[in-house]
Amino acid sequence: MTVVQRIRVPAGLAFGFLLFVFAQPRPDLFWLGMPVAALGAGIRLWASGHLDKWRGLARTGPYRLTRNPLYLGSFLAGLGFTAAAAELWLLLVYLVLFPGIYWPVILREEREMLSHYGDDYAEYAAGVPRFCPFWFPGPVVAGAGTTARFRWNLFLRNREYRFLISVVLAAIFFFWKMG
């Protein structure tokens, strides 16, 4: 595990702390940011119900649109809260911090996926964008071990409910802080 992989969660928590301390939410930016944060949380929820880690290559659901829907969802959720915080310097820090931490992680994970899944992953990677989704994907051929439908048991196994709970609590806090 690289240094960047080890610091991503503590760095996210530290940035979250900065948001809670320095946020000065305004109604206009709150109501702009919360739908973006909710979209990000929804993408993460959707992705977690299609991800059976290391038991099969996820190619269905949001994995048809992007190879990294969990990170895309995290980015959008963070962007929504950072916009709602109404502090430009926090937005600038976020827009540097997120790609600075997650881009190397994504590249490392791609090497691991290629090593684990070989040609199946190479074929998948050739047809699905790394981060920014195509809005009109072509047909996806489900390979061995993929999950064609969202499965709640995967959502629970992947413990994505923790992220959803944190998003809801953060939204309540921002609403309260907005006064």
C-alpha atoms as a PDB file:
ATOM      1  CA  MET A   1       0.000   0.000   0.000  1.00  0.00           C
ATOM      2  CA  THR A   2       1.412   3.376  -0.993  1.00  0.00           C
ATOM      3  CA  VAL A   3       1.624   6.428   1.238  1.00  0.00           C
ATOM      4  CA  VAL A   4      -1.161   8.104  -0.733  1.00  0.00           C
ATOM      5  CA  GLN A   5      -3.429   5.082  -0.243  1.00  0.00           C
ATOM      6  CA  ARG A   6      -2.757   5.165   3.506  1.00  0.00           C
ATOM      7  CA  ILE A   7      -3.407   8.900   3.907  1.00  0.00           C
ATOM      8  CA  ARG A   8      -6.547   9.210   1.784  1.00  0.00           C
ATOM      9  CA  VAL A   9      -8.983   8.466   4.631  1.00  0.00           C
ATOM     10  CA  PRO A  10      -7.175  10.598   7.254  1.00  0.00           C
ATOM     11  CA  ALA A  11      -6.806  13.410   4.696  1.00  0.00           C
ATOM     12  CA  GLY A  12     -10.529  13.208   3.925  1.00  0.00           C
ATOM     13  CA  LEU A  13     -11.352  13.332   7.618  1.00  0.00           C
ATOM     14  CA  ALA A  14      -9.025  16.309   8.109  1.00  0.00           C
ATOM     15  CA  PHE A  15     -10.659  18.131   5.215  1.00  0.00           C
ATOM     16  CA  GLY A  16     -14.086  17.274   6.614  1.00  0.00           C
ATOM     17  CA  PHE A  17     -13.006  18.790   9.922  1.00  0.00           C
ATOM     18  CA  LEU A  18     -11.974  21.981   8.096  1.00  0.00           C
ATOM     19  CA  LEU A  19     -15.384  22.071   6.427  1.00  0.00           C
ATOM     20  CA  PHE A  20     -17.203  21.743   9.737  1.00  0.00           C
ATOM     21  CA  VAL A  21     -15.086  24.423  11.409  1.00  0.00           C
ATOM     22  CA  PHE A  22     -14.885  27.011   8.628  1.00  0.00           C
ATOM     23  CA  ALA A  23     -18.111  26.467   6.678  1.00  0.00           C
ATOM     24  CA  GLN A  24     -20.394  29.454   6.508  1.00  0.00           C
ATOM     25  CA  PRO A  25     -23.312  27.906   4.602  1.00  0.00           C
ATOM     26  CA  ARG A  26     -25.686  30.240   2.805  1.00  0.00           C
ATOM     27  CA  PRO A  27     -29.120  29.155   1.607  1.00  0.00           C
ATOM     28  CA  ASP A  28     -28.322  29.616  -2.089  1.00  0.00           C
ATOM     29  CA  LEU A  29     -25.121  27.560  -1.955  1.00  0.00           C
ATOM     30  CA  PHE A  30     -26.615  25.023   0.460  1.00  0.00           C
ATOM     31  CA  TRP A  31     -29.471  24.278  -1.943  1.00  0.00           C
ATOM     32  CA  LEU A  32     -26.999  24.161  -4.838  1.00  0.00           C
ATOM     33  CA  GLY A  33     -24.517  21.885  -3.071  1.00  0.00           C
ATOM     34  CA  MET A  34     -26.841  19.394  -1.393  1.00  0.00           C
ATOM     35  CA  PRO A  35     -28.252  17.924  -4.632  1.00  0.00           C
ATOM     36  CA  VAL A  36     -24.675  17.451  -5.874  1.00  0.00           C
ATOM     37  CA  ALA A  37     -23.740  15.748  -2.594  1.00  0.00           C
ATOM     38  CA  ALA A  38     -26.874  13.586  -2.786  1.00  0.00           C
ATOM     39  CA  LEU A  39     -26.028  12.615  -6.367  1.00  0.00           C
ATOM     40  CA  GLY A  40     -22.564  11.575  -5.224  1.00  0.00           C
ATOM     41  CA  ALA A  41     -23.987   9.528  -2.354  1.00  0.00           C
ATOM     42  CA  GLY A  42     -26.481   7.924  -4.748  1.00  0.00           C
ATOM     43  CA  ILE A  43     -23.727   6.951  -7.168  1.00  0.00           C
ATOM     44  CA  ARG A  44     -21.762   5.367  -4.324  1.00  0.00           C
ATOM     45  CA  LEU A  45     -24.839   3.461  -3.141  1.00  0.00           C
ATOM     46  CA  TRP A  46     -25.553   2.254  -6.680  1.00  0.00           C
ATOM     47  CA  ALA A  47     -21.934   1.198  -7.208  1.00  0.00           C
ATOM     48  CA  SER A  48     -21.664  -0.666  -3.921  1.00  0.00           C
ATOM     49  CA  GLY A  49     -24.588  -2.898  -4.898  1.00  0.00           C
ATOM     50  CA  HIS A  50     -22.702  -3.998  -8.019  1.00  0.00           C
ATOM     51  CA  LEU A  51     -19.271  -4.495  -6.478  1.00  0.00           C
ATOM     52  CA  ASP A  52     -18.324  -7.969  -5.327  1.00  0.00           C
ATOM     53  CA  LYS A  53     -14.719  -7.162  -4.436  1.00  0.00           C
ATOM     54  CA  TRP A  54     -12.125  -9.495  -5.943  1.00  0.00           C
ATOM     55  CA  ARG A  55     -14.797 -12.103  -6.751  1.00  0.00           C
ATOM     56  CA  GLY A  56     -15.618 -10.758 -10.180  1.00  0.00           C
ATOM     57  CA  LEU A  57     -14.997  -7.753 -12.362  1.00  0.00           C
ATOM     58  CA  ALA A  58     -17.812  -5.247 -11.874  1.00  0.00           C
ATOM     59  CA  ARG A  59     -19.054  -4.114 -15.293  1.00  0.00           C
ATOM     60  CA  THR A  60     -22.723  -3.424 -14.641  1.00  0.00           C
ATOM     61  CA  GLY A  61     -24.652  -0.570 -13.066  1.00  0.00           C
ATOM     62  CA  PRO A  62     -22.458   2.513 -12.811  1.00  0.00           C
ATOM     63  CA  TYR A  63     -19.423   0.439 -13.759  1.00  0.00           C
ATOM     64  CA  ARG A  64     -20.790   0.581 -17.313  1.00  0.00           C
ATOM     65  CA  LEU A  65     -20.237   4.348 -17.235  1.00  0.00           C
ATOM     66  CA  THR A  66     -17.005   4.761 -15.299  1.00  0.00           C
ATOM     67  CA  ARG A  67     -14.367   2.436 -13.923  1.00  0.00           C
ATOM     68  CA  ASN A  68     -14.365   4.376 -10.648  1.00  0.00           C
ATOM     69  CA  PRO A  69     -17.950   5.182  -9.629  1.00  0.00           C
ATOM     70  CA  LEU A  70     -17.139   5.065  -5.915  1.00  0.00           C
ATOM     71  CA  TYR A  71     -14.490   7.748  -6.355  1.00  0.00           C
ATOM     72  CA  LEU A  72     -16.732   9.745  -8.676  1.00  0.00           C
ATOM     73  CA  GLY A  73     -19.476   9.601  -6.042  1.00  0.00           C
ATOM     74  CA  SER A  74     -17.038  10.681  -3.335  1.00  0.00           C
ATOM     75  CA  PHE A  75     -15.851  13.554  -5.510  1.00  0.00           C
ATOM     76  CA  LEU A  76     -19.389  14.793  -6.142  1.00  0.00           C
ATOM     77  CA  ALA A  77     -20.403  14.448  -2.492  1.00  0.00           C
ATOM     78  CA  GLY A  78     -17.316  16.358  -1.386  1.00  0.00           C
ATOM     79  CA  LEU A  79     -17.827  18.983  -4.066  1.00  0.00           C
ATOM     80  CA  GLY A  80     -21.428  19.497  -2.972  1.00  0.00           C
ATOM     81  CA  PHE A  81     -20.495  20.005   0.661  1.00  0.00           C
ATOM     82  CA  THR A  82     -17.541  22.189  -0.228  1.00  0.00           C
ATOM     83  CA  ALA A  83     -19.783  24.407  -2.377  1.00  0.00           C
ATOM     84  CA  ALA A  84     -22.335  24.566   0.443  1.00  0.00           C
ATOM     85  CA  ALA A  85     -19.568  25.656   2.839  1.00  0.00           C
ATOM     86  CA  ALA A  86     -19.442  28.982   0.959  1.00  0.00           C
ATOM     87  CA  GLU A  87     -15.697  29.450   1.425  1.00  0.00           C
ATOM     88  CA  LEU A  88     -13.726  29.829  -1.807  1.00  0.00           C
ATOM     89  CA  TRP A  89     -10.432  28.801  -0.221  1.00  0.00           C
ATOM     90  CA  LEU A  90     -11.980  25.494   0.882  1.00  0.00           C
ATOM     91  CA  LEU A  91     -13.164  24.864  -2.672  1.00  0.00           C
ATOM     92  CA  LEU A  92      -9.679  25.544  -4.020  1.00  0.00           C
ATOM     93  CA  VAL A  93      -8.101  23.220  -1.441  1.00  0.00           C
ATOM     94  CA  TYR A  94     -10.630  20.518  -2.332  1.00  0.00           C
ATOM     95  CA  LEU A  95     -10.021  20.830  -6.069  1.00  0.00           C
ATOM     96  CA  VAL A  96      -6.283  20.320  -5.468  1.00  0.00           C
ATOM     97  CA  LEU A  97      -6.500  17.780  -2.638  1.00  0.00           C
ATOM     98  CA  PHE A  98      -8.939  15.311  -4.207  1.00  0.00           C
ATOM     99  CA  PRO A  99      -7.112  14.673  -7.490  1.00  0.00           C
ATOM    100  CA  GLY A 100      -3.740  14.912  -5.740  1.00  0.00           C
ATOM    101  CA  ILE A 101      -4.693  12.036  -3.472  1.00  0.00           C
ATOM    102  CA  TYR A 102      -7.054   9.955  -5.578  1.00  0.00           C
ATOM    103  CA  TRP A 103      -5.359  10.036  -8.982  1.00  0.00           C
ATOM    104  CA  PRO A 104      -2.330   8.041  -7.784  1.00  0.00           C
ATOM    105  CA  VAL A 105      -4.681   5.681  -5.919  1.00  0.00           C
ATOM    106  CA  ILE A 106      -6.736   5.097  -9.064  1.00  0.00           C
ATOM    107  CA  LEU A 107      -3.617   4.389 -11.120  1.00  0.00           C
ATOM    108  CA  ARG A 108      -2.317   1.958  -8.493  1.00  0.00           C
ATOM    109  CA  GLU A 109      -5.659   0.155  -8.303  1.00  0.00           C
ATOM    110  CA  GLU A 110      -5.759  -0.136 -12.094  1.00  0.00           C
ATOM    111  CA  ARG A 111      -2.405  -1.940 -12.021  1.00  0.00           C
ATOM    112  CA  GLU A 112      -3.769  -4.269  -9.331  1.00  0.00           C
ATOM    113  CA  MET A 113      -6.927  -4.954 -11.361  1.00  0.00           C
ATOM    114  CA  LEU A 114      -4.893  -5.666 -14.482  1.00  0.00           C
ATOM    115  CA  SER A 115      -2.689  -8.045 -12.520  1.00  0.00           C
ATOM    116  CA  HIS A 116      -5.704  -9.814 -11.003  1.00  0.00           C
ATOM    117  CA  TYR A 117      -8.102  -9.904 -13.988  1.00  0.00           C
ATOM    118  CA  GLY A 118      -5.670  -9.695 -16.917  1.00  0.00           C
ATOM    119  CA  ASP A 119      -7.199  -9.407 -20.380  1.00  0.00           C
ATOM    120  CA  ASP A 120     -10.746  -9.094 -19.000  1.00  0.00           C
ATOM    121  CA  TYR A 121      -9.759  -5.893 -17.221  1.00  0.00           C
ATOM    122  CA  ALA A 122      -7.746  -4.613 -20.181  1.00  0.00           C
ATOM    123  CA  GLU A 123     -10.783  -5.065 -22.442  1.00  0.00           C
ATOM    124  CA  TYR A 124     -13.073  -3.397 -19.896  1.00  0.00           C
ATOM    125  CA  ALA A 125     -10.645  -0.495 -19.383  1.00  0.00           C
ATOM    126  CA  ALA A 126     -10.423   0.051 -23.138  1.00  0.00           C
ATOM    127  CA  GLY A 127     -14.174   0.583 -23.388  1.00  0.00           C
ATOM    128  CA  VAL A 128     -15.080   2.425 -20.164  1.00  0.00           C
ATOM    129  CA  PRO A 129     -13.660   5.802 -19.108  1.00  0.00           C
ATOM    130  CA  ARG A 130     -11.523   6.013 -16.006  1.00  0.00           C
ATOM    131  CA  PHE A 131     -13.478   8.727 -14.175  1.00  0.00           C
ATOM    132  CA  CYS A 132     -15.785  10.971 -16.219  1.00  0.00           C
ATOM    133  CA  PRO A 133     -18.663   8.824 -17.464  1.00  0.00           C
ATOM    134  CA  PHE A 134     -20.052   8.560 -20.932  1.00  0.00           C
ATOM    135  CA  TRP A 135     -23.726   9.334 -20.740  1.00  0.00           C
ATOM    136  CA  PHE A 136     -24.721   6.985 -23.561  1.00  0.00           C
ATOM    137  CA  PRO A 137     -22.769   3.760 -23.061  1.00  0.00           C
ATOM    138  CA  GLY A 138     -22.873   0.924 -25.485  1.00  0.00           C
ATOM    139  CA  PRO A 139     -24.030  -2.550 -24.584  1.00  0.00           C
ATOM    140  CA  VAL A 140     -22.079  -4.205 -21.818  1.00  0.00           C
ATOM    141  CA  VAL A 141     -21.250  -7.872 -21.955  1.00  0.00           C
ATOM    142  CA  ALA A 142     -21.475  -9.259 -18.443  1.00  0.00           C
ATOM    143  CA  GLY A 143     -18.489 -11.464 -17.741  1.00  0.00           C
ATOM    144  CA  ALA A 144     -18.024 -14.199 -15.192  1.00  0.00           C
ATOM    145  CA  GLY A 145     -18.608 -13.005 -11.663  1.00  0.00           C
ATOM    146  CA  THR A 146     -20.372  -9.771 -12.544  1.00  0.00           C
ATOM    147  CA  THR A 147     -23.577  -8.707 -10.887  1.00  0.00           C
ATOM    148  CA  ALA A 148     -26.257  -7.771 -13.385  1.00  0.00           C
ATOM    149  CA  ARG A 149     -28.602  -6.183 -10.831  1.00  0.00           C
ATOM    150  CA  PHE A 150     -28.142  -4.101  -7.737  1.00  0.00           C
ATOM    151  CA  ARG A 151     -27.854  -6.362  -4.696  1.00  0.00           C
ATOM    152  CA  TRP A 152     -28.554  -5.074  -1.191  1.00  0.00           C
ATOM    153  CA  ASN A 153     -26.369  -7.775   0.326  1.00  0.00           C
ATOM    154  CA  LEU A 154     -23.365  -6.310  -1.526  1.00  0.00           C
ATOM    155  CA  PHE A 155     -24.317  -2.807  -0.352  1.00  0.00           C
ATOM    156  CA  LEU A 156     -24.321  -4.097   3.235  1.00  0.00           C
ATOM    157  CA  ARG A 157     -21.155  -6.183   2.821  1.00  0.00           C
ATOM    158  CA  ASN A 158     -19.355  -3.171   1.357  1.00  0.00           C
ATOM    159  CA  ARG A 159     -20.582  -1.122   4.364  1.00  0.00           C
ATOM    160  CA  GLU A 160     -21.654   1.749   2.158  1.00  0.00           C
ATOM    161  CA  TYR A 161     -24.352   2.649   4.682  1.00  0.00           C
ATOM    162  CA  ARG A 162     -21.593   4.350   6.721  1.00  0.00           C
ATOM    163  CA  PHE A 163     -21.013   6.837   3.914  1.00  0.00           C
ATOM    164  CA  LEU A 164     -24.745   7.486   3.547  1.00  0.00           C
ATOM    165  CA  ILE A 165     -25.144   8.073   7.276  1.00  0.00           C
ATOM    166  CA  SER A 166     -22.240  10.527   7.255  1.00  0.00           C
ATOM    167  CA  VAL A 167     -23.734  12.423   4.300  1.00  0.00           C
ATOM    168  CA  VAL A 168     -27.111  12.734   6.025  1.00  0.00           C
ATOM    169  CA  LEU A 169     -25.530  13.855   9.310  1.00  0.00           C
ATOM    170  CA  ALA A 170     -23.302  16.365   7.525  1.00  0.00           C
ATOM    171  CA  ALA A 171     -26.283  17.791   5.637  1.00  0.00           C
ATOM    172  CA  ILE A 172     -28.188  18.179   8.904  1.00  0.00           C
ATOM    173  CA  PHE A 173     -25.169  19.899  10.480  1.00  0.00           C
ATOM    174  CA  PHE A 174     -24.804  22.295   7.544  1.00  0.00           C
ATOM    175  CA  PHE A 175     -28.522  23.070   7.642  1.00  0.00           C
ATOM    176  CA  TRP A 176     -28.293  23.754  11.372  1.00  0.00           C
ATOM    177  CA  LYS A 177     -25.139  25.875  10.935  1.00  0.00           C
ATOM    178  CA  MET A 178     -26.843  27.871   8.187  1.00  0.00           C
ATOM    179  CA  GLY A 179     -29.307  28.955  10.873  1.00  0.00           C
END
